[in-house]
Amino acid sequence: MITVMGATGNTGRKIAEGLLAAGVPVRALGRDEEKLAGLAALGAEVRAGDTVDPNFLADAFHGSDAAYTLLPTDQRAPDYPGRQNAEGEAIARAVQASGVRHVVALSCVGADVPTGTGVILGLRRQEARLRTIPGIELYLLRPVSFFENFYGALETIRHEGVVADSVEADLAIPMVATRDIAAAAVDALSRRHWSGEIVRELIGPRDISYREATRILGERIGKPDLQYVQLPGADMVGALAQAGLSTSFAETYVEMTRAFNEGIVQPLHGRTPENTTPTTFEDFADELADAWRATDRTAATAD
């Protein structure tokens, strides 16, 4: 049995589905039982509960051969770093209480940096908590910015006519598809072939700038002149807050993008065959275009 946290999210759902497809029993965790129903239909044991409840988590981890953990922090949380810490402490306590030995934990490139990385700093603290648990075999997955983040840009394109963020327009940075993160996690959880601590970075097939990604996306959705706009930090905080996210999250997000802009967040060993993943942004842009056309059809039906 493998327990998968965040089983309705970007990585967790793909990991649960991958394990089930391989015939591995899965216990899928999430906050919403209705959203877990699809995994239950595939044969998973599903449990809905609060990720800051160590008793719920310890019970879910108990008897598992391995667990996939992450910090599924709500971006609307009034104190985002505080919520990250509460979730992280609950997970660490639950892992220790449950006796699960193999843990695959989602972290991020840049978790080696001690200060100034915003959202990533909470993942660094979680790595440190997990390291203190006696007797566990720890596999730290450190990906980078998800291709899937561009789904959020579709609404901005529709209403503002641009893609906007606080990352420098021409800064080529690593980005990765969550399917490639899930593939690495499924392999580790299934085989449990490591001992001690492993850090595995996952940085996509090549570095790509927001300007280039915007151009590729624009071509796919029939907007070849689509532009990327770099927002000043304060404006980005305001835009995220206007979109319904907490000011606390927005400020930690902008601190993270500033760390990218300043070159603070970097892969430990540059680009290597081990950290390079196969899915290209060009391939993923076709999925974004499908989502764009689907929202067009929905809007047309509503009209």
C-alpha atoms as a PDB file:
ATOM      1  CA  MET A   1       0.000   0.000   0.000  1.00  0.00           C
ATOM      2  CA  ILE A   2       1.259   3.473  -0.965  1.00  0.00           C
ATOM      3  CA  THR A   3      -0.295   6.542   0.673  1.00  0.00           C
ATOM      4  CA  VAL A   4      -0.479   9.609  -1.579  1.00  0.00           C
ATOM      5  CA  MET A   5      -1.113  13.067  -0.164  1.00  0.00           C
ATOM      6  CA  GLY A   6      -2.682  15.769  -2.335  1.00  0.00           C
ATOM      7  CA  ALA A   7      -4.321  13.116  -4.489  1.00  0.00           C
ATOM      8  CA  THR A   8      -6.649  15.611  -6.186  1.00  0.00           C
ATOM      9  CA  GLY A   9      -3.832  18.014  -7.085  1.00  0.00           C
ATOM     10  CA  ASN A  10      -1.363  18.517  -9.918  1.00  0.00           C
ATOM     11  CA  THR A  11       1.165  15.885  -8.864  1.00  0.00           C
ATOM     12  CA  GLY A  12      -0.732  13.698  -6.414  1.00  0.00           C
ATOM     13  CA  ARG A  13      -3.508  12.718  -8.802  1.00  0.00           C
ATOM     14  CA  LYS A  14      -1.047  11.692 -11.508  1.00  0.00           C
ATOM     15  CA  ILE A  15       1.000   9.713  -8.994  1.00  0.00           C
ATOM     16  CA  ALA A  16      -2.062   7.895  -7.667  1.00  0.00           C
ATOM     17  CA  GLU A  17      -3.260   7.104 -11.178  1.00  0.00           C
ATOM     18  CA  GLY A  18       0.208   5.911 -12.213  1.00  0.00           C
ATOM     19  CA  LEU A  19       0.504   3.586  -9.236  1.00  0.00           C
ATOM     20  CA  LEU A  20      -2.995   2.189  -9.752  1.00  0.00           C
ATOM     21  CA  ALA A  21      -2.267   1.593 -13.443  1.00  0.00           C
ATOM     22  CA  ALA A  22       0.792  -0.413 -12.360  1.00  0.00           C
ATOM     23  CA  GLY A  23      -1.318  -2.527 -10.034  1.00  0.00           C
ATOM     24  CA  VAL A  24      -0.043  -0.936  -6.829  1.00  0.00           C
ATOM     25  CA  PRO A  25      -2.624  -0.460  -4.020  1.00  0.00           C
ATOM     26  CA  VAL A  26      -3.129   3.233  -3.246  1.00  0.00           C
ATOM     27  CA  ARG A  27      -4.552   5.123  -0.283  1.00  0.00           C
ATOM     28  CA  ALA A  28      -5.426   8.544  -1.694  1.00  0.00           C
ATOM     29  CA  LEU A  29      -5.695  11.553   0.636  1.00  0.00           C
ATOM     30  CA  GLY A  30      -7.392  14.869  -0.009  1.00  0.00           C
ATOM     31  CA  ARG A  31      -9.560  17.515   1.577  1.00  0.00           C
ATOM     32  CA  ASP A  32     -12.700  16.875  -0.507  1.00  0.00           C
ATOM     33  CA  GLU A  33     -14.311  13.441  -0.671  1.00  0.00           C
ATOM     34  CA  GLU A  34     -16.234  14.314  -3.842  1.00  0.00           C
ATOM     35  CA  LYS A  35     -13.016  15.191  -5.661  1.00  0.00           C
ATOM     36  CA  LEU A  36     -11.541  11.858  -4.571  1.00  0.00           C
ATOM     37  CA  ALA A  37     -14.437   9.911  -6.119  1.00  0.00           C
ATOM     38  CA  GLY A  38     -12.665   9.462  -9.457  1.00  0.00           C
ATOM     39  CA  LEU A  39      -9.738   7.730  -7.765  1.00  0.00           C
ATOM     40  CA  ALA A  40     -12.111   5.581  -5.731  1.00  0.00           C
ATOM     41  CA  ALA A  41     -13.679   4.464  -9.012  1.00  0.00           C
ATOM     42  CA  LEU A  42     -10.205   3.385 -10.179  1.00  0.00           C
ATOM     43  CA  GLY A  43      -9.777   1.245  -7.077  1.00  0.00           C
ATOM     44  CA  ALA A  44      -8.038   3.533  -4.617  1.00  0.00           C
ATOM     45  CA  GLU A  45      -8.877   3.610  -0.929  1.00  0.00           C
ATOM     46  CA  VAL A  46      -9.760   7.260  -0.348  1.00  0.00           C
ATOM     47  CA  ARG A  47      -9.690   9.320   2.831  1.00  0.00           C
ATOM     48  CA  ALA A  48     -10.707  12.960   3.211  1.00  0.00           C
ATOM     49  CA  GLY A  49      -9.321  15.016   6.061  1.00  0.00           C
ATOM     50  CA  ASP A  50      -7.347  18.015   7.250  1.00  0.00           C
ATOM     51  CA  THR A  51      -3.650  18.146   6.361  1.00  0.00           C
ATOM     52  CA  VAL A  52      -2.815  19.899   9.647  1.00  0.00           C
ATOM     53  CA  ASP A  53      -4.284  17.020  11.665  1.00  0.00           C
ATOM     54  CA  PRO A  54      -1.361  14.710  12.566  1.00  0.00           C
ATOM     55  CA  ASN A  55      -3.757  12.034  13.845  1.00  0.00           C
ATOM     56  CA  PHE A  56      -5.587  11.855  10.507  1.00  0.00           C
ATOM     57  CA  LEU A  57      -2.271  11.670   8.652  1.00  0.00           C
ATOM     58  CA  ALA A  58      -0.660   9.140  11.002  1.00  0.00           C
ATOM     59  CA  ASP A  59      -3.655   6.841  10.614  1.00  0.00           C
ATOM     60  CA  ALA A  60      -3.485   7.223   6.829  1.00  0.00           C
ATOM     61  CA  PHE A  61       0.273   6.533   6.728  1.00  0.00           C
ATOM     62  CA  HIS A  62       0.040   3.573   9.110  1.00  0.00           C
ATOM     63  CA  GLY A  63       0.672   0.223   7.436  1.00  0.00           C
ATOM     64  CA  SER A  64       1.901   1.831   4.191  1.00  0.00           C
ATOM     65  CA  ASP A  65       5.020   0.627   2.435  1.00  0.00           C
ATOM     66  CA  ALA A  66       5.743   4.220   1.416  1.00  0.00           C
ATOM     67  CA  ALA A  67       4.160   7.664   1.400  1.00  0.00           C
ATOM     68  CA  TYR A  68       4.182  10.656  -0.937  1.00  0.00           C
ATOM     69  CA  THR A  69       4.043  13.932   0.977  1.00  0.00           C
ATOM     70  CA  LEU A  70       3.746  17.572  -0.001  1.00  0.00           C
ATOM     71  CA  LEU A  71       2.607  20.872   1.472  1.00  0.00           C
ATOM     72  CA  PRO A  72      -0.821  21.464  -0.145  1.00  0.00           C
ATOM     73  CA  THR A  73      -0.996  24.984   1.284  1.00  0.00           C
ATOM     74  CA  ASP A  74      -4.052  27.035   0.366  1.00  0.00           C
ATOM     75  CA  GLN A  75      -2.898  30.151  -1.479  1.00  0.00           C
ATOM     76  CA  ARG A  76      -5.735  32.034   0.224  1.00  0.00           C
ATOM     77  CA  ALA A  77      -4.343  31.300   3.711  1.00  0.00           C
ATOM     78  CA  PRO A  78      -4.046  34.611   5.619  1.00  0.00           C
ATOM     79  CA  ASP A  79      -0.636  33.543   6.989  1.00  0.00           C
ATOM     80  CA  TYR A  80       0.823  31.453   4.172  1.00  0.00           C
ATOM     81  CA  PRO A  81       4.228  30.674   5.765  1.00  0.00           C
ATOM     82  CA  GLY A  82       2.469  29.866   9.034  1.00  0.00           C
ATOM     83  CA  ARG A  83       0.137  27.452   7.274  1.00  0.00           C
ATOM     84  CA  GLN A  84       3.113  25.849   5.515  1.00  0.00           C
ATOM     85  CA  ASN A  85       4.773  25.322   8.887  1.00  0.00           C
ATOM     86  CA  ALA A  86       1.637  23.882  10.497  1.00  0.00           C
ATOM     87  CA  GLU A  87       1.189  21.400   7.648  1.00  0.00           C
ATOM     88  CA  GLY A  88       4.863  20.491   7.676  1.00  0.00           C
ATOM     89  CA  GLU A  89       4.917  19.851  11.409  1.00  0.00           C
ATOM     90  CA  ALA A  90       1.767  17.700  11.172  1.00  0.00           C
ATOM     91  CA  ILE A  91       3.280  15.631   8.361  1.00  0.00           C
ATOM     92  CA  ALA A  92       6.562  15.076  10.178  1.00  0.00           C
ATOM     93  CA  ARG A  93       4.789  14.071  13.384  1.00  0.00           C
ATOM     94  CA  ALA A  94       2.522  11.719  11.453  1.00  0.00           C
ATOM     95  CA  VAL A  95       5.385  10.070   9.568  1.00  0.00           C
ATOM     96  CA  GLN A  96       7.219   9.399  12.801  1.00  0.00           C
ATOM     97  CA  ALA A  97       4.118   8.147  14.634  1.00  0.00           C
ATOM     98  CA  SER A  98       3.002   5.885  11.784  1.00  0.00           C
ATOM     99  CA  GLY A  99       6.297   4.059  11.327  1.00  0.00           C
ATOM    100  CA  VAL A 100       6.253   4.438   7.529  1.00  0.00           C
ATOM    101  CA  ARG A 101       9.852   4.035   6.373  1.00  0.00           C
ATOM    102  CA  HIS A 102      10.044   5.201   2.750  1.00  0.00           C
ATOM    103  CA  VAL A 103       8.978   8.811   2.142  1.00  0.00           C
ATOM    104  CA  VAL A 104       8.991  10.639  -1.179  1.00  0.00           C
ATOM    105  CA  ALA A 105       8.564  14.361  -0.478  1.00  0.00           C
ATOM    106  CA  LEU A 106       7.846  17.142  -2.960  1.00  0.00           C
ATOM    107  CA  SER A 107      10.217  20.064  -2.506  1.00  0.00           C
ATOM    108  CA  CYS A 108      11.747  22.521  -4.996  1.00  0.00           C
ATOM    109  CA  VAL A 109      14.969  23.563  -6.656  1.00  0.00           C
ATOM    110  CA  GLY A 110      16.399  26.258  -4.406  1.00  0.00           C
ATOM    111  CA  ALA A 111      15.594  24.459  -1.146  1.00  0.00           C
ATOM    112  CA  ASP A 112      19.342  24.514  -0.454  1.00  0.00           C
ATOM    113  CA  VAL A 113      19.254  28.329  -0.169  1.00  0.00           C
ATOM    114  CA  PRO A 114      18.811  29.496   3.452  1.00  0.00           C
ATOM    115  CA  THR A 115      17.050  32.848   2.941  1.00  0.00           C
ATOM    116  CA  GLY A 116      15.223  35.058   0.475  1.00  0.00           C
ATOM    117  CA  THR A 117      13.360  32.448  -1.571  1.00  0.00           C
ATOM    118  CA  GLY A 118       9.774  33.064  -0.452  1.00  0.00           C
ATOM    119  CA  VAL A 119       7.537  30.045  -1.031  1.00  0.00           C
ATOM    120  CA  ILE A 120      10.564  27.766  -1.401  1.00  0.00           C
ATOM    121  CA  LEU A 121      11.787  28.615   2.094  1.00  0.00           C
ATOM    122  CA  GLY A 122       8.829  26.722   3.571  1.00  0.00           C
ATOM    123  CA  LEU A 123       9.863  23.652   1.572  1.00  0.00           C
ATOM    124  CA  ARG A 124      13.421  23.984   2.870  1.00  0.00           C
ATOM    125  CA  ARG A 125      12.072  23.946   6.430  1.00  0.00           C
ATOM    126  CA  GLN A 126      10.043  20.841   5.629  1.00  0.00           C
ATOM    127  CA  GLU A 127      13.084  19.019   4.276  1.00  0.00           C
ATOM    128  CA  ALA A 128      14.824  19.794   7.575  1.00  0.00           C
ATOM    129  CA  ARG A 129      11.899  18.416   9.611  1.00  0.00           C
ATOM    130  CA  LEU A 130      11.827  15.163   7.671  1.00  0.00           C
ATOM    131  CA  ARG A 131      15.589  14.706   8.062  1.00  0.00           C
ATOM    132  CA  THR A 132      15.213  14.606  11.839  1.00  0.00           C
ATOM    133  CA  ILE A 133      12.901  11.551  11.788  1.00  0.00           C
ATOM    134  CA  PRO A 134      14.866   8.468  12.864  1.00  0.00           C
ATOM    135  CA  GLY A 135      15.026   5.524  10.510  1.00  0.00           C
ATOM    136  CA  ILE A 136      13.258   6.864   7.409  1.00  0.00           C
ATOM    137  CA  GLU A 137      14.533   6.587   3.863  1.00  0.00           C
ATOM    138  CA  LEU A 138      13.946  10.045   2.361  1.00  0.00           C
ATOM    139  CA  TYR A 139      13.629  10.811  -1.356  1.00  0.00           C
ATOM    140  CA  LEU A 140      13.407  14.559  -1.992  1.00  0.00           C
ATOM    141  CA  LEU A 141      11.976  15.567  -5.353  1.00  0.00           C
ATOM    142  CA  ARG A 142      13.031  19.099  -6.276  1.00  0.00           C
ATOM    143  CA  PRO A 143      11.246  20.275  -9.423  1.00  0.00           C
ATOM    144  CA  VAL A 144      10.896  23.857 -10.604  1.00  0.00           C
ATOM    145  CA  SER A 145       8.045  26.007 -11.917  1.00  0.00           C
ATOM    146  CA  PHE A 146       5.245  23.859 -13.356  1.00  0.00           C
ATOM    147  CA  PHE A 147       4.085  24.186 -16.953  1.00  0.00           C
ATOM    148  CA  GLU A 148       0.598  23.853 -15.440  1.00  0.00           C
ATOM    149  CA  ASN A 149       0.944  27.307 -13.879  1.00  0.00           C
ATOM    150  CA  PHE A 150       0.133  28.679 -17.331  1.00  0.00           C
ATOM    151  CA  TYR A 151      -3.447  27.455 -16.969  1.00  0.00           C
ATOM    152  CA  GLY A 152      -3.891  30.421 -14.662  1.00  0.00           C
ATOM    153  CA  ALA A 153      -2.622  32.711 -17.414  1.00  0.00           C
ATOM    154  CA  LEU A 154      -5.541  31.790 -19.693  1.00  0.00           C
ATOM    155  CA  GLU A 155      -7.946  33.967 -17.696  1.00  0.00           C
ATOM    156  CA  THR A 156      -5.487  36.865 -17.782  1.00  0.00           C
ATOM    157  CA  ILE A 157      -5.191  36.491 -21.540  1.00  0.00           C
ATOM    158  CA  ARG A 158      -8.963  36.477 -21.915  1.00  0.00           C
ATOM    159  CA  HIS A 159      -9.546  39.572 -19.777  1.00  0.00           C
ATOM    160  CA  GLU A 160      -6.315  41.553 -20.138  1.00  0.00           C
ATOM    161  CA  GLY A 161      -4.938  40.313 -23.463  1.00  0.00           C
ATOM    162  CA  VAL A 162      -1.479  39.524 -22.041  1.00  0.00           C
ATOM    163  CA  VAL A 163       0.444  37.044 -19.916  1.00  0.00           C
ATOM    164  CA  ALA A 164       1.720  38.776 -16.800  1.00  0.00           C
ATOM    165  CA  ASP A 165       4.065  37.802 -13.975  1.00  0.00           C
ATOM    166  CA  SER A 166       6.989  39.238 -12.018  1.00  0.00           C
ATOM    167  CA  VAL A 167       9.708  37.057 -13.604  1.00  0.00           C
ATOM    168  CA  GLU A 168      12.036  38.888 -15.997  1.00  0.00           C
ATOM    169  CA  ALA A 169      10.778  38.521 -19.562  1.00  0.00           C
ATOM    170  CA  ASP A 170      13.952  37.153 -21.157  1.00  0.00           C
ATOM    171  CA  LEU A 171      15.324  35.180 -18.223  1.00  0.00           C
ATOM    172  CA  ALA A 172      15.553  31.553 -19.329  1.00  0.00           C
ATOM    173  CA  ILE A 173      14.603  29.385 -16.363  1.00  0.00           C
ATOM    174  CA  PRO A 174      13.858  25.679 -15.922  1.00  0.00           C
ATOM    175  CA  MET A 175      10.187  24.662 -16.090  1.00  0.00           C
ATOM    176  CA  VAL A 176       8.739  21.149 -15.878  1.00  0.00           C
ATOM    177  CA  ALA A 177       5.550  19.208 -16.608  1.00  0.00           C
ATOM    178  CA  THR A 178       3.940  17.619 -13.562  1.00  0.00           C
ATOM    179  CA  ARG A 179       3.574  14.342 -15.477  1.00  0.00           C
ATOM    180  CA  ASP A 180       7.372  14.061 -15.400  1.00  0.00           C
ATOM    181  CA  ILE A 181       7.436  14.731 -11.653  1.00  0.00           C
ATOM    182  CA  ALA A 182       4.765  12.072 -11.201  1.00  0.00           C
ATOM    183  CA  ALA A 183       6.730   9.558 -13.274  1.00  0.00           C
ATOM    184  CA  ALA A 184       9.786  10.028 -11.033  1.00  0.00           C
ATOM    185  CA  ALA A 185       7.660   9.673  -7.906  1.00  0.00           C
ATOM    186  CA  VAL A 186       5.873   6.549  -9.167  1.00  0.00           C
ATOM    187  CA  ASP A 187       9.225   4.937  -9.939  1.00  0.00           C
ATOM    188  CA  ALA A 188      10.634   5.713  -6.486  1.00  0.00           C
ATOM    189  CA  LEU A 189       7.479   4.709  -4.604  1.00  0.00           C
ATOM    190  CA  SER A 190       7.104   1.462  -6.544  1.00  0.00           C
ATOM    191  CA  ARG A 191      10.725   0.328  -6.383  1.00  0.00           C
ATOM    192  CA  ARG A 192      11.836   1.817  -3.045  1.00  0.00           C
ATOM    193  CA  HIS A 193      15.349   1.209  -4.277  1.00  0.00           C
ATOM    194  CA  TRP A 194      17.215   3.792  -2.212  1.00  0.00           C
ATOM    195  CA  SER A 195      18.466   4.121   1.333  1.00  0.00           C
ATOM    196  CA  GLY A 196      19.321   7.178   3.385  1.00  0.00           C
ATOM    197  CA  GLU A 197      18.580  10.482   1.661  1.00  0.00           C
ATOM    198  CA  ILE A 198      18.326  11.129  -2.082  1.00  0.00           C
ATOM    199  CA  VAL A 199      17.860  14.586  -3.657  1.00  0.00           C
ATOM    200  CA  ARG A 200      16.583  14.470  -7.226  1.00  0.00           C
ATOM    201  CA  GLU A 201      16.076  17.684  -9.153  1.00  0.00           C
ATOM    202  CA  LEU A 202      13.671  17.765 -12.138  1.00  0.00           C
ATOM    203  CA  ILE A 203      14.143  20.763 -14.415  1.00  0.00           C
ATOM    204  CA  GLY A 204      12.379  20.089 -17.710  1.00  0.00           C
ATOM    205  CA  PRO A 205      13.995  19.536 -21.113  1.00  0.00           C
ATOM    206  CA  ARG A 206      15.505  23.033 -21.453  1.00  0.00           C
ATOM    207  CA  ASP A 207      15.420  26.458 -19.870  1.00  0.00           C
ATOM    208  CA  ILE A 208      12.787  28.762 -21.338  1.00  0.00           C
ATOM    209  CA  SER A 209      11.890  32.412 -20.792  1.00  0.00           C
ATOM    210  CA  TYR A 210       8.406  33.710 -20.084  1.00  0.00           C
ATOM    211  CA  ARG A 211       8.577  35.729 -23.305  1.00  0.00           C
ATOM    212  CA  GLU A 212       9.310  32.605 -25.351  1.00  0.00           C
ATOM    213  CA  ALA A 213       6.693  30.538 -23.533  1.00  0.00           C
ATOM    214  CA  THR A 214       4.143  33.290 -24.176  1.00  0.00           C
ATOM    215  CA  ARG A 215       5.019  33.343 -27.875  1.00  0.00           C
ATOM    216  CA  ILE A 216       4.580  29.563 -28.139  1.00  0.00           C
ATOM    217  CA  LEU A 217       1.273  29.696 -26.275  1.00  0.00           C
ATOM    218  CA  GLY A 218       0.064  32.605 -28.411  1.00  0.00           C
ATOM    219  CA  GLU A 219       0.760  30.665 -31.599  1.00  0.00           C
ATOM    220  CA  ARG A 220      -1.200  27.671 -30.303  1.00  0.00           C
ATOM    221  CA  ILE A 221      -4.298  29.674 -29.336  1.00  0.00           C
ATOM    222  CA  GLY A 222      -4.400  31.813 -32.465  1.00  0.00           C
ATOM    223  CA  LYS A 223      -2.910  34.940 -30.888  1.00  0.00           C
ATOM    224  CA  PRO A 224       0.530  35.214 -32.522  1.00  0.00           C
ATOM    225  CA  ASP A 225       1.036  38.744 -31.149  1.00  0.00           C
ATOM    226  CA  LEU A 226       0.402  37.736 -27.537  1.00  0.00           C
ATOM    227  CA  GLN A 227       2.760  39.637 -25.238  1.00  0.00           C
ATOM    228  CA  TYR A 228       4.332  38.909 -21.879  1.00  0.00           C
ATOM    229  CA  VAL A 229       4.331  41.775 -19.380  1.00  0.00           C
ATOM    230  CA  GLN A 230       6.703  41.805 -16.410  1.00  0.00           C
ATOM    231  CA  LEU A 231       4.942  43.395 -13.449  1.00  0.00           C
ATOM    232  CA  PRO A 232       6.822  45.213 -10.681  1.00  0.00           C
ATOM    233  CA  GLY A 233       6.703  43.295  -7.425  1.00  0.00           C
ATOM    234  CA  ALA A 234       4.113  45.532  -5.774  1.00  0.00           C
ATOM    235  CA  ASP A 235       1.844  45.338  -8.832  1.00  0.00           C
ATOM    236  CA  MET A 236       2.140  41.532  -8.865  1.00  0.00           C
ATOM    237  CA  VAL A 237       1.155  41.382  -5.199  1.00  0.00           C
ATOM    238  CA  GLY A 238      -1.875  43.520  -6.022  1.00  0.00           C
ATOM    239  CA  ALA A 239      -2.839  41.398  -9.022  1.00  0.00           C
ATOM    240  CA  LEU A 240      -2.678  38.161  -7.029  1.00  0.00           C
ATOM    241  CA  ALA A 241      -4.696  39.702  -4.188  1.00  0.00           C
ATOM    242  CA  GLN A 242      -7.289  40.930  -6.690  1.00  0.00           C
ATOM    243  CA  ALA A 243      -7.524  37.373  -8.002  1.00  0.00           C
ATOM    244  CA  GLY A 244      -8.554  36.216  -4.512  1.00  0.00           C
ATOM    245  CA  LEU A 245      -5.209  34.990  -3.155  1.00  0.00           C
ATOM    246  CA  SER A 246      -3.940  36.191   0.201  1.00  0.00           C
ATOM    247  CA  THR A 247      -1.525  39.088   0.485  1.00  0.00           C
ATOM    248  CA  SER A 248       0.683  36.770   2.548  1.00  0.00           C
ATOM    249  CA  PHE A 249       0.941  34.272  -0.298  1.00  0.00           C
ATOM    250  CA  ALA A 250       1.390  37.034  -2.879  1.00  0.00           C
ATOM    251  CA  GLU A 251       4.324  38.533  -0.999  1.00  0.00           C
ATOM    252  CA  THR A 252       6.074  35.174  -0.581  1.00  0.00           C
ATOM    253  CA  TYR A 253       5.453  34.416  -4.264  1.00  0.00           C
ATOM    254  CA  VAL A 254       7.027  37.698  -5.365  1.00  0.00           C
ATOM    255  CA  GLU A 255      10.002  37.076  -3.090  1.00  0.00           C
ATOM    256  CA  MET A 256      10.452  33.741  -4.879  1.00  0.00           C
ATOM    257  CA  THR A 257      10.324  35.302  -8.353  1.00  0.00           C
ATOM    258  CA  ARG A 258      12.822  37.930  -7.220  1.00  0.00           C
ATOM    259  CA  ALA A 259      15.141  35.070  -6.231  1.00  0.00           C
ATOM    260  CA  PHE A 260      14.773  33.657  -9.753  1.00  0.00           C
ATOM    261  CA  ASN A 261      15.471  37.071 -11.282  1.00  0.00           C
ATOM    262  CA  GLU A 262      18.600  37.504  -9.168  1.00  0.00           C
ATOM    263  CA  GLY A 263      19.933  34.039 -10.010  1.00  0.00           C
ATOM    264  CA  ILE A 264      19.648  32.822  -6.415  1.00  0.00           C
ATOM    265  CA  VAL A 265      17.538  29.772  -7.330  1.00  0.00           C
ATOM    266  CA  GLN A 266      19.622  27.417  -9.448  1.00  0.00           C
ATOM    267  CA  PRO A 267      19.945  23.640  -9.911  1.00  0.00           C
ATOM    268  CA  LEU A 268      22.690  22.230  -7.718  1.00  0.00           C
ATOM    269  CA  HIS A 269      24.721  20.769 -10.592  1.00  0.00           C
ATOM    270  CA  GLY A 270      23.464  22.672 -13.633  1.00  0.00           C
ATOM    271  CA  ARG A 271      21.665  20.665 -16.293  1.00  0.00           C
ATOM    272  CA  THR A 272      22.465  16.951 -16.377  1.00  0.00           C
ATOM    273  CA  PRO A 273      20.910  13.849 -17.976  1.00  0.00           C
ATOM    274  CA  GLU A 274      19.611  12.883 -14.520  1.00  0.00           C
ATOM    275  CA  ASN A 275      17.647  16.091 -13.902  1.00  0.00           C
ATOM    276  CA  THR A 276      16.468  16.721 -17.482  1.00  0.00           C
ATOM    277  CA  THR A 277      12.890  15.559 -18.142  1.00  0.00           C
ATOM    278  CA  PRO A 278      11.220  14.762 -21.494  1.00  0.00           C
ATOM    279  CA  THR A 279       8.010  16.789 -21.856  1.00  0.00           C
ATOM    280  CA  THR A 280       8.582  19.994 -23.854  1.00  0.00           C
ATOM    281  CA  PHE A 281       6.681  23.225 -23.421  1.00  0.00           C
ATOM    282  CA  GLU A 282       5.762  23.013 -27.096  1.00  0.00           C
ATOM    283  CA  ASP A 283       3.973  19.716 -26.450  1.00  0.00           C
ATOM    284  CA  PHE A 284       2.318  21.018 -23.304  1.00  0.00           C
ATOM    285  CA  ALA A 285       1.141  24.170 -25.102  1.00  0.00           C
ATOM    286  CA  ASP A 286      -1.166  21.981 -27.175  1.00  0.00           C
ATOM    287  CA  GLU A 287      -2.948  20.993 -23.951  1.00  0.00           C
ATOM    288  CA  LEU A 288      -3.199  24.645 -22.952  1.00  0.00           C
ATOM    289  CA  ALA A 289      -4.708  25.381 -26.360  1.00  0.00           C
ATOM    290  CA  ASP A 290      -7.279  22.626 -25.842  1.00  0.00           C
ATOM    291  CA  ALA A 291      -8.237  24.210 -22.513  1.00  0.00           C
ATOM    292  CA  TRP A 292      -8.450  27.623 -24.198  1.00  0.00           C
ATOM    293  CA  ARG A 293     -10.804  26.304 -26.873  1.00  0.00           C
ATOM    294  CA  ALA A 294     -12.915  24.518 -24.250  1.00  0.00           C
ATOM    295  CA  THR A 295     -13.452  27.780 -22.342  1.00  0.00           C
ATOM    296  CA  ASP A 296     -14.342  29.472 -25.622  1.00  0.00           C
ATOM    297  CA  ARG A 297     -17.028  26.863 -26.246  1.00  0.00           C
ATOM    298  CA  THR A 298     -18.314  27.243 -22.692  1.00  0.00           C
ATOM    299  CA  ALA A 299     -18.509  31.009 -23.074  1.00  0.00           C
ATOM    300  CA  ALA A 300     -20.308  30.680 -26.399  1.00  0.00           C
ATOM    301  CA  THR A 301     -22.861  28.276 -24.865  1.00  0.00           C
ATOM    302  CA  ALA A 302     -23.451  30.671 -21.961  1.00  0.00           C
ATOM    303  CA  ASP A 303     -24.096  33.519 -24.417  1.00  0.00           C
END
